[in-house]
């Protein structure tokens, strides 16, 4: 008859290693691309607009926030 000692030993090892493996797996985080809101007054040259009060404003003639076109 086989002894149950190896089974107990294997189960104790797995009970200590598996939680460590799961905790370490949770610590690995991929780099995520975070899209941030532009800074107040940011000028977007390709679209000739600036960011003001959480919205884009298209530059008009003689607008003080925009450089001359």
PDB file of N, CA and C in Angstrom:
ATOM      1  N   UNK A   1       0.834  -1.181   0.000  1.00  0.00           N
ATOM      2  CA  UNK A   1       0.000   0.000   0.000  1.00  0.00           C
ATOM      3  C   UNK A   1       0.883   1.251   0.000  1.00  0.00           C
ATOM      4  N   UNK A   2       0.449   2.236  -0.760  1.00  0.00           N
ATOM      5  CA  UNK A   2       1.210   3.467  -0.873  1.00  0.00           C
ATOM      6  C   UNK A   2       1.012   4.343   0.356  1.00  0.00           C
ATOM      7  N   UNK A   3       2.056   5.006   0.724  1.00  0.00           N
ATOM      8  CA  UNK A   3       1.985   5.917   1.862  1.00  0.00           C
ATOM      9  C   UNK A   3       1.353   7.234   1.413  1.00  0.00           C
ATOM     10  N   UNK A   4       0.641   7.889   2.283  1.00  0.00           N
ATOM     11  CA  UNK A   4       0.000   9.161   1.955  1.00  0.00           C
ATOM     12  C   UNK A   4       0.937  10.341   2.221  1.00  0.00           C
ATOM     13  N   UNK A   5       2.140  10.038   2.699  1.00  0.00           N
ATOM     14  CA  UNK A   5       3.089  11.086   3.026  1.00  0.00           C
ATOM     15  C   UNK A   5       3.485  11.953   1.812  1.00  0.00           C
ATOM     16  N   UNK A   6       3.801  11.379   0.650  1.00  0.00           N
ATOM     17  CA  UNK A   6       4.134  12.242  -0.495  1.00  0.00           C
ATOM     18  C   UNK A   6       2.972  13.151  -0.917  1.00  0.00           C
ATOM     19  N   UNK A   7       1.770  12.642  -0.812  1.00  0.00           N
ATOM     20  CA  UNK A   7       0.597  13.447  -1.170  1.00  0.00           C
ATOM     21  C   UNK A   7       0.448  14.639  -0.228  1.00  0.00           C
ATOM     22  N   UNK A   8       0.639  14.398   1.053  1.00  0.00           N
ATOM     23  CA  UNK A   8       0.534  15.481   2.037  1.00  0.00           C
ATOM     24  C   UNK A   8       1.628  16.512   1.795  1.00  0.00           C
ATOM     25  N   UNK A   9       2.826  16.024   1.499  1.00  0.00           N
ATOM     26  CA  UNK A   9       3.946  16.927   1.246  1.00  0.00           C
ATOM     27  C   UNK A   9       3.683  17.795   0.004  1.00  0.00           C
ATOM     28  N   UNK A  10       3.192  17.163  -1.051  1.00  0.00           N
ATOM     29  CA  UNK A  10       2.885  17.897  -2.279  1.00  0.00           C
ATOM     30  C   UNK A  10       1.773  18.909  -2.055  1.00  0.00           C
ATOM     31  N   UNK A  11       0.768  18.552  -1.301  1.00  0.00           N
ATOM     32  CA  UNK A  11      -0.340  19.477  -1.048  1.00  0.00           C
ATOM     33  C   UNK A  11       0.123  20.659  -0.196  1.00  0.00           C
ATOM     34  N   UNK A  12       1.016  20.418   0.767  1.00  0.00           N
ATOM     35  CA  UNK A  12       1.529  21.523   1.571  1.00  0.00           C
ATOM     36  C   UNK A  12       2.382  22.468   0.731  1.00  0.00           C
ATOM     37  N   UNK A  13       3.171  21.929  -0.161  1.00  0.00           N
ATOM     38  CA  UNK A  13       3.981  22.763  -1.044  1.00  0.00           C
ATOM     39  C   UNK A  13       3.088  23.596  -1.954  1.00  0.00           C
ATOM     40  N   UNK A  14       2.078  22.966  -2.508  1.00  0.00           N
ATOM     41  CA  UNK A  14       1.182  23.701  -3.412  1.00  0.00           C
ATOM     42  C   UNK A  14       0.387  24.754  -2.662  1.00  0.00           C
ATOM     43  N   UNK A  15       0.012  24.468  -1.409  1.00  0.00           N
ATOM     44  CA  UNK A  15      -0.739  25.456  -0.637  1.00  0.00           C
ATOM     45  C   UNK A  15       0.113  26.666  -0.271  1.00  0.00           C
ATOM     46  N   UNK A  16       1.416  26.519  -0.230  1.00  0.00           N
ATOM     47  CA  UNK A  16       2.260  27.672   0.064  1.00  0.00           C
ATOM     48  C   UNK A  16       2.720  28.384  -1.200  1.00  0.00           C
ATOM     49  N   UNK A  17       2.922  27.658  -2.291  1.00  0.00           N
ATOM     50  CA  UNK A  17       3.431  28.282  -3.509  1.00  0.00           C
ATOM     51  C   UNK A  17       2.344  28.938  -4.356  1.00  0.00           C
ATOM     52  N   UNK A  18       1.180  28.340  -4.413  1.00  0.00           N
ATOM     53  CA  UNK A  18       0.124  28.904  -5.252  1.00  0.00           C
ATOM     54  C   UNK A  18      -0.314  30.302  -4.820  1.00  0.00           C
ATOM     55  N   UNK A  19      -0.532  30.552  -3.527  1.00  0.00           N
ATOM     56  CA  UNK A  19      -0.885  31.939  -3.160  1.00  0.00           C
ATOM     57  C   UNK A  19       0.215  32.941  -3.504  1.00  0.00           C
ATOM     58  N   UNK A  20       1.472  32.528  -3.339  1.00  0.00           N
ATOM     59  CA  UNK A  20       2.576  33.421  -3.703  1.00  0.00           C
ATOM     60  C   UNK A  20       2.559  33.698  -5.203  1.00  0.00           C
ATOM     61  N   UNK A  21       2.296  32.683  -5.984  1.00  0.00           N
ATOM     62  CA  UNK A  21       2.238  32.847  -7.432  1.00  0.00           C
ATOM     63  C   UNK A  21       1.105  33.791  -7.822  1.00  0.00           C
ATOM     64  N   UNK A  22      -0.054  33.651  -7.196  1.00  0.00           N
ATOM     65  CA  UNK A  22      -1.181  34.528  -7.513  1.00  0.00           C
ATOM     66  C   UNK A  22      -0.906  35.970  -7.090  1.00  0.00           C
ATOM     67  N   UNK A  23      -0.262  36.154  -5.944  1.00  0.00           N
ATOM     68  CA  UNK A  23       0.050  37.517  -5.503  1.00  0.00           C
ATOM     69  C   UNK A  23       1.073  38.168  -6.420  1.00  0.00           C
ATOM     70  N   UNK A  24       2.080  37.423  -6.845  1.00  0.00           N
ATOM     71  CA  UNK A  24       3.076  37.981  -7.744  1.00  0.00           C
ATOM     72  C   UNK A  24       2.479  38.292  -9.109  1.00  0.00           C
ATOM     73  N   UNK A  25       1.565  37.470  -9.542  1.00  0.00           N
ATOM     74  CA  UNK A  25       0.913  37.699 -10.821  1.00  0.00           C
ATOM     75  C   UNK A  25       0.102  38.998 -10.787  1.00  0.00           C
ATOM     76  N   UNK A  26      -0.476  39.323  -9.651  1.00  0.00           N
ATOM     77  CA  UNK A  26      -1.244  40.556  -9.513  1.00  0.00           C
ATOM     78  C   UNK A  26      -0.380  41.796  -9.503  1.00  0.00           C
ATOM     79  N   UNK A  27       0.896  41.643  -9.216  1.00  0.00           N
ATOM     80  CA  UNK A  27       1.801  42.791  -9.148  1.00  0.00           C
ATOM     81  C   UNK A  27       2.305  43.208 -10.518  1.00  0.00           C
ATOM     82  N   UNK A  28       2.165  42.362 -11.502  1.00  0.00           N
ATOM     83  CA  UNK A  28       2.640  42.686 -12.834  1.00  0.00           C
ATOM     84  C   UNK A  28       1.564  43.493 -13.547  1.00  0.00           C
ATOM     85  N   UNK A  29       1.903  44.704 -13.921  1.00  0.00           N
ATOM     86  CA  UNK A  29       0.946  45.600 -14.565  1.00  0.00           C
ATOM     87  C   UNK A  29       1.539  46.047 -15.891  1.00  0.00           C
ATOM     88  N   UNK A  30       0.760  45.969 -16.930  1.00  0.00           N
ATOM     89  CA  UNK A  30       1.212  46.444 -18.235  1.00  0.00           C
ATOM     90  C   UNK A  30       1.114  47.952 -18.295  1.00  0.00           C
ATOM     91  N   UNK A  31       1.940  48.533 -19.143  1.00  0.00           N
ATOM     92  CA  UNK A  31       1.841  49.970 -19.370  1.00  0.00           C
ATOM     93  C   UNK A  31       0.547  50.259 -20.109  1.00  0.00           C
ATOM     94  N   UNK A  32      -0.191  51.195 -19.599  1.00  0.00           N
ATOM     95  CA  UNK A  32      -1.443  51.565 -20.247  1.00  0.00           C
ATOM     96  C   UNK A  32      -1.299  52.951 -20.848  1.00  0.00           C
ATOM     97  N   UNK A  33      -1.953  53.143 -21.944  1.00  0.00           N
ATOM     98  CA  UNK A  33      -1.956  54.454 -22.563  1.00  0.00           C
ATOM     99  C   UNK A  33      -3.071  55.278 -21.913  1.00  0.00           C
ATOM    100  N   UNK A  34      -2.681  56.315 -21.244  1.00  0.00           N
ATOM    101  CA  UNK A  34      -3.644  57.158 -20.557  1.00  0.00           C
ATOM    102  C   UNK A  34      -3.803  58.438 -21.371  1.00  0.00           C
ATOM    103  N   UNK A  35      -5.029  58.693 -21.777  1.00  0.00           N
ATOM    104  CA  UNK A  35      -5.309  59.913 -22.532  1.00  0.00           C
ATOM    105  C   UNK A  35      -5.697  60.986 -21.531  1.00  0.00           C
ATOM    106  N   UNK A  36      -4.866  61.995 -21.440  1.00  0.00           N
ATOM    107  CA  UNK A  36      -5.121  63.063 -20.477  1.00  0.00           C
ATOM    108  C   UNK A  36      -5.737  64.261 -21.176  1.00  0.00           C
ATOM    109  N   UNK A  37      -6.461  65.020 -20.405  1.00  0.00           N
ATOM    110  CA  UNK A  37      -7.073  66.239 -20.927  1.00  0.00           C
ATOM    111  C   UNK A  37      -5.977  67.262 -21.190  1.00  0.00           C
ATOM    112  N   UNK A  38      -6.054  67.988 -22.290  1.00  0.00           N
ATOM    113  CA  UNK A  38      -5.033  69.011 -22.567  1.00  0.00           C
ATOM    114  C   UNK A  38      -5.031  70.103 -21.493  1.00  0.00           C
ATOM    115  N   UNK A  39      -3.932  70.773 -21.387  1.00  0.00           N
ATOM    116  CA  UNK A  39      -3.782  71.865 -20.422  1.00  0.00           C
ATOM    117  C   UNK A  39      -4.540  73.090 -20.924  1.00  0.00           C
ATOM    118  N   UNK A  40      -5.087  73.828 -19.994  1.00  0.00           N
ATOM    119  CA  UNK A  40      -5.809  75.060 -20.325  1.00  0.00           C
ATOM    120  C   UNK A  40      -4.919  75.989 -21.146  1.00  0.00           C
ATOM    121  N   UNK A  41      -5.412  76.456 -22.283  1.00  0.00           N
ATOM    122  CA  UNK A  41      -4.667  77.358 -23.145  1.00  0.00           C
ATOM    123  C   UNK A  41      -3.771  76.662 -24.152  1.00  0.00           C
ATOM    124  N   UNK A  42      -3.789  75.334 -24.197  1.00  0.00           N
ATOM    125  CA  UNK A  42      -2.952  74.598 -25.153  1.00  0.00           C
ATOM    126  C   UNK A  42      -3.379  74.924 -26.578  1.00  0.00           C
ATOM    127  N   UNK A  43      -2.410  75.273 -27.427  1.00  0.00           N
ATOM    128  CA  UNK A  43      -2.702  75.621 -28.822  1.00  0.00           C
ATOM    129  C   UNK A  43      -2.399  74.422 -29.710  1.00  0.00           C
ATOM    130  N   UNK A  44      -3.377  73.988 -30.481  1.00  0.00           N
ATOM    131  CA  UNK A  44      -3.241  72.871 -31.415  1.00  0.00           C
ATOM    132  C   UNK A  44      -3.000  73.453 -32.805  1.00  0.00           C
ATOM    133  N   UNK A  45      -1.724  73.531 -33.189  1.00  0.00           N
ATOM    134  CA  UNK A  45      -1.349  74.201 -34.439  1.00  0.00           C
ATOM    135  C   UNK A  45      -1.924  73.546 -35.688  1.00  0.00           C
ATOM    136  N   UNK A  46      -1.895  72.207 -35.836  1.00  0.00           N
ATOM    137  CA  UNK A  46      -2.427  71.633 -37.080  1.00  0.00           C
ATOM    138  C   UNK A  46      -3.914  71.928 -37.311  1.00  0.00           C
ATOM    139  N   UNK A  47      -4.675  72.082 -36.220  1.00  0.00           N
ATOM    140  CA  UNK A  47      -6.108  72.332 -36.369  1.00  0.00           C
ATOM    141  C   UNK A  47      -6.471  73.793 -36.117  1.00  0.00           C
ATOM    142  N   UNK A  48      -5.459  74.627 -35.785  1.00  0.00           N
ATOM    143  CA  UNK A  48      -5.649  76.058 -35.536  1.00  0.00           C
ATOM    144  C   UNK A  48      -6.795  76.279 -34.539  1.00  0.00           C
ATOM    145  N   UNK A  49      -6.597  75.713 -33.328  1.00  0.00           N
ATOM    146  CA  UNK A  49      -7.585  75.845 -32.254  1.00  0.00           C
ATOM    147  C   UNK A  49      -6.846  75.821 -30.922  1.00  0.00           C
ATOM    148  N   UNK A  50      -7.524  76.234 -29.859  1.00  0.00           N
ATOM    149  CA  UNK A  50      -6.935  76.188 -28.521  1.00  0.00           C
ATOM    150  C   UNK A  50      -7.947  75.585 -27.547  1.00  0.00           C
ATOM    151  N   UNK A  51      -7.424  75.110 -26.404  1.00  0.00           N
ATOM    152  CA  UNK A  51      -8.251  74.438 -25.405  1.00  0.00           C
ATOM    153  C   UNK A  51      -8.601  75.424 -24.299  1.00  0.00           C
ATOM    154  N   UNK A  52      -9.906  75.606 -24.062  1.00  0.00           N
ATOM    155  CA  UNK A  52     -10.363  76.570 -23.057  1.00  0.00           C
ATOM    156  C   UNK A  52     -11.618  76.037 -22.380  1.00  0.00           C
ATOM    157  N   UNK A  53     -11.568  75.950 -21.042  1.00  0.00           N
ATOM    158  CA  UNK A  53     -12.695  75.499 -20.221  1.00  0.00           C
ATOM    159  C   UNK A  53     -13.268  74.167 -20.713  1.00  0.00           C
ATOM    160  N   UNK A  54     -12.404  73.156 -20.819  1.00  0.00           N
ATOM    161  CA  UNK A  54     -12.757  71.775 -21.149  1.00  0.00           C
ATOM    162  C   UNK A  54     -13.366  71.599 -22.539  1.00  0.00           C
ATOM    163  N   UNK A  55     -13.037  72.476 -23.454  1.00  0.00           N
ATOM    164  CA  UNK A  55     -13.526  72.326 -24.826  1.00  0.00           C
ATOM    165  C   UNK A  55     -12.541  72.987 -25.792  1.00  0.00           C
ATOM    166  N   UNK A  56     -12.585  72.557 -27.031  1.00  0.00           N
ATOM    167  CA  UNK A  56     -11.736  73.144 -28.071  1.00  0.00           C
ATOM    168  C   UNK A  56     -12.449  74.356 -28.666  1.00  0.00           C
ATOM    169  N   UNK A  57     -11.695  75.437 -28.871  1.00  0.00           N
ATOM    170  CA  UNK A  57     -12.227  76.659 -29.453  1.00  0.00           C
ATOM    171  C   UNK A  57     -11.444  76.930 -30.732  1.00  0.00           C
ATOM    172  N   UNK A  58     -12.157  77.088 -31.836  1.00  0.00           N
ATOM    173  CA  UNK A  58     -11.517  77.368 -33.118  1.00  0.00           C
ATOM    174  C   UNK A  58     -11.060  78.815 -33.121  1.00  0.00           C
ATOM    175  N   UNK A  59      -9.831  79.047 -33.568  1.00  0.00           N
ATOM    176  CA  UNK A  59      -9.264  80.397 -33.602  1.00  0.00           C
ATOM    177  C   UNK A  59      -9.950  81.238 -34.680  1.00  0.00           C
ATOM    178  N   UNK A  60     -10.330  82.428 -34.289  1.00  0.00           N
ATOM    179  CA  UNK A  60     -10.926  83.393 -35.216  1.00  0.00           C
ATOM    180  C   UNK A  60      -9.883  84.465 -35.534  1.00  0.00           C
ATOM    181  N   UNK A  61     -10.214  85.375 -36.423  1.00  0.00           N
ATOM    182  CA  UNK A  61      -9.312  86.487 -36.738  1.00  0.00           C
ATOM    183  C   UNK A  61      -9.101  87.348 -35.499  1.00  0.00           C
ATOM    184  N   UNK A  62      -7.874  87.747 -35.272  1.00  0.00           N
ATOM    185  CA  UNK A  62      -7.491  88.612 -34.156  1.00  0.00           C
ATOM    186  C   UNK A  62      -7.860  88.029 -32.790  1.00  0.00           C
ATOM    187  N   UNK A  63      -7.817  86.741 -32.660  1.00  0.00           N
ATOM    188  CA  UNK A  63      -8.091  86.105 -31.372  1.00  0.00           C
ATOM    189  C   UNK A  63      -6.827  86.231 -30.510  1.00  0.00           C
ATOM    190  N   UNK A  64      -6.936  86.767 -29.291  1.00  0.00           N
ATOM    191  CA  UNK A  64      -5.726  86.976 -28.473  1.00  0.00           C
ATOM    192  C   UNK A  64      -5.052  85.672 -28.015  1.00  0.00           C
ATOM    193  N   UNK A  65      -5.774  84.560 -28.024  1.00  0.00           N
ATOM    194  CA  UNK A  65      -5.213  83.288 -27.573  1.00  0.00           C
ATOM    195  C   UNK A  65      -4.425  82.566 -28.682  1.00  0.00           C
ATOM    196  N   UNK A  66      -4.562  83.013 -29.923  1.00  0.00           N
ATOM    197  CA  UNK A  66      -3.954  82.303 -31.040  1.00  0.00           C
ATOM    198  C   UNK A  66      -2.891  83.156 -31.719  1.00  0.00           C
ATOM    199  N   UNK A  67      -1.840  82.515 -32.203  1.00  0.00           N
ATOM    200  CA  UNK A  67      -0.856  83.262 -32.996  1.00  0.00           C
ATOM    201  C   UNK A  67      -1.444  83.597 -34.372  1.00  0.00           C
ATOM    202  N   UNK A  68      -0.883  84.588 -35.037  1.00  0.00           N
ATOM    203  CA  UNK A  68      -1.408  84.943 -36.366  1.00  0.00           C
ATOM    204  C   UNK A  68      -1.261  83.766 -37.343  1.00  0.00           C
ATOM    205  N   UNK A  69      -2.261  83.587 -38.158  1.00  0.00           N
ATOM    206  CA  UNK A  69      -2.266  82.444 -39.085  1.00  0.00           C
ATOM    207  C   UNK A  69      -1.341  82.645 -40.256  1.00  0.00           C
TER     208      UNK A  69
END
